[in-house]
Amino acid sequence: MHRSTGRWQLGLALALLTMFLWGILPIALSIALQAIDVYTLTWARFTAAGGLLLGFLAVRRRLPPLGKLTAASWGLLAAAAVFLGGNYWLYLEGLSLTTAANAQVLIQLAPVLLSLGALVIFKERYSPLQWTGMGVLVAGFALFFREQLQGLLSGPGAYLTGSAFILAGAGSWAIYALAQKQLLRVLPSAGIMLMLYGGCALLFTPFSEPAVLLGLDTLHTAALVFCALNTLVAYGAFAEALEHWEASRVSAVLALTPLVTLAADWGFAQLWPGLIKPDVLTSFGVFGAVLVVTGSLAMALGSTRNR
C-alpha cells in the first residue's frame, strides 16, 4: 500500500489550492454548458489538459516510464481512467439539470467516501478528535445546505434526476481517487495524470463534436479555457497532495469546497448581475458554515495513524 511522504505542510498547501480551484469550477462549467454539450466539454478539458501536461513533461524529460508497469498497474490505470471519466460525465450531466449550489452539496459525498475508503484500504485510522470533527462536519453541512436539501426533496423531476447523476459521480470519483493513491507506488503524480487525461480523452472522442468549439463567443471561449486549465492544475495539485499527505486529511480540506463556491457565486453576481444568481444564506446557513470549517480543521489537523 502507498504511504505518504509526511511533508504535511506541502500536502496542505496543495489540498487548499485544489479546494479553491474546484470551488470556482462549477460557475465556469455552468457558463460553458450554455453553449457546449456535456461530451464535447469533457473531451475538450481532457484533451487540453493532457496536451499541455505532455508538452511540459517532454520538455523536462520526465515522461512516465511505461515499460516498467506491470499488468496489475495497467489495470489500475484503466480503472482510474474509467471512473475519472465517469465522474466528469455524471457531474456535468447533473449540473446541466440542477444548480451549482445543489451540485456542490451532493458532490461532497465524494471526499467522505474517499476518507472512508482510505480507512479500509490504506489502513488509515481516525483519532477521537477526527471522529468528532466528522460529526461536526456532517452537522454543519446539514445546516449550511438546509435550503438546498429542502429544494432537493420538493424539486421537479429534472432536478431530482440531475441530483442522482451527481451522487453517482461522487461514488465514481472516490473510486478513482483511491486508485490514484495506489498508483503513486509505481508512477509519479504527473505521469499518472498524463495517462489518465489521455485515456479519458480517448473515451470521449467518439461522442464529442469539436467543430462546435469554433463557433463559441468570447464569454464561452473564456469559460472553456478556464475549465481546461482548472482541470490541469487542480487535479495535478490533488494528485501531488496525496503523495505527501494522508487521503483522509486531504478529503477533510476538500470538504470546504462548497464555501468557496458560495463565495464565488456571490462575487460573480456582484460583478456581472444576471449571469449568476447567488444563494442567500440564512442564520442557519452561517452557523452551519462555521461548523463546516471547525469540523474540517479538526479532521485535517487531528492525528491520523496507520494500523
Foldseek 3Di string as FASTA:
>chain_A
DADAPQPQVLLVVLLLVLLLLLLALLLLLVLLVVQFPQLQLLLLLLVLLLVVLVVVCVVVVNAKPVVPDDPVLVVLLLLLLVLLLLLSSLLSLLCVLAPPLLLLLLLLVQLVLLLVVCCVPVVKDFDPLLVVLVVLQVLLSCLQCVVVVVCCVVDDPSNVSSSVSSNVSSVSNSSSLVSLLVSVVRTPLSNSSSSSSVSSSVVSVVPHDNVSLVPDDPSSVVSSVSSSVSVNSSSSSNSVSSNHDPSQLSSLSSLLSNVSNLVVLVVCCVVPPPSGDHDDTDPSSVVSNVSSVRSSCSNNPGDMDGD
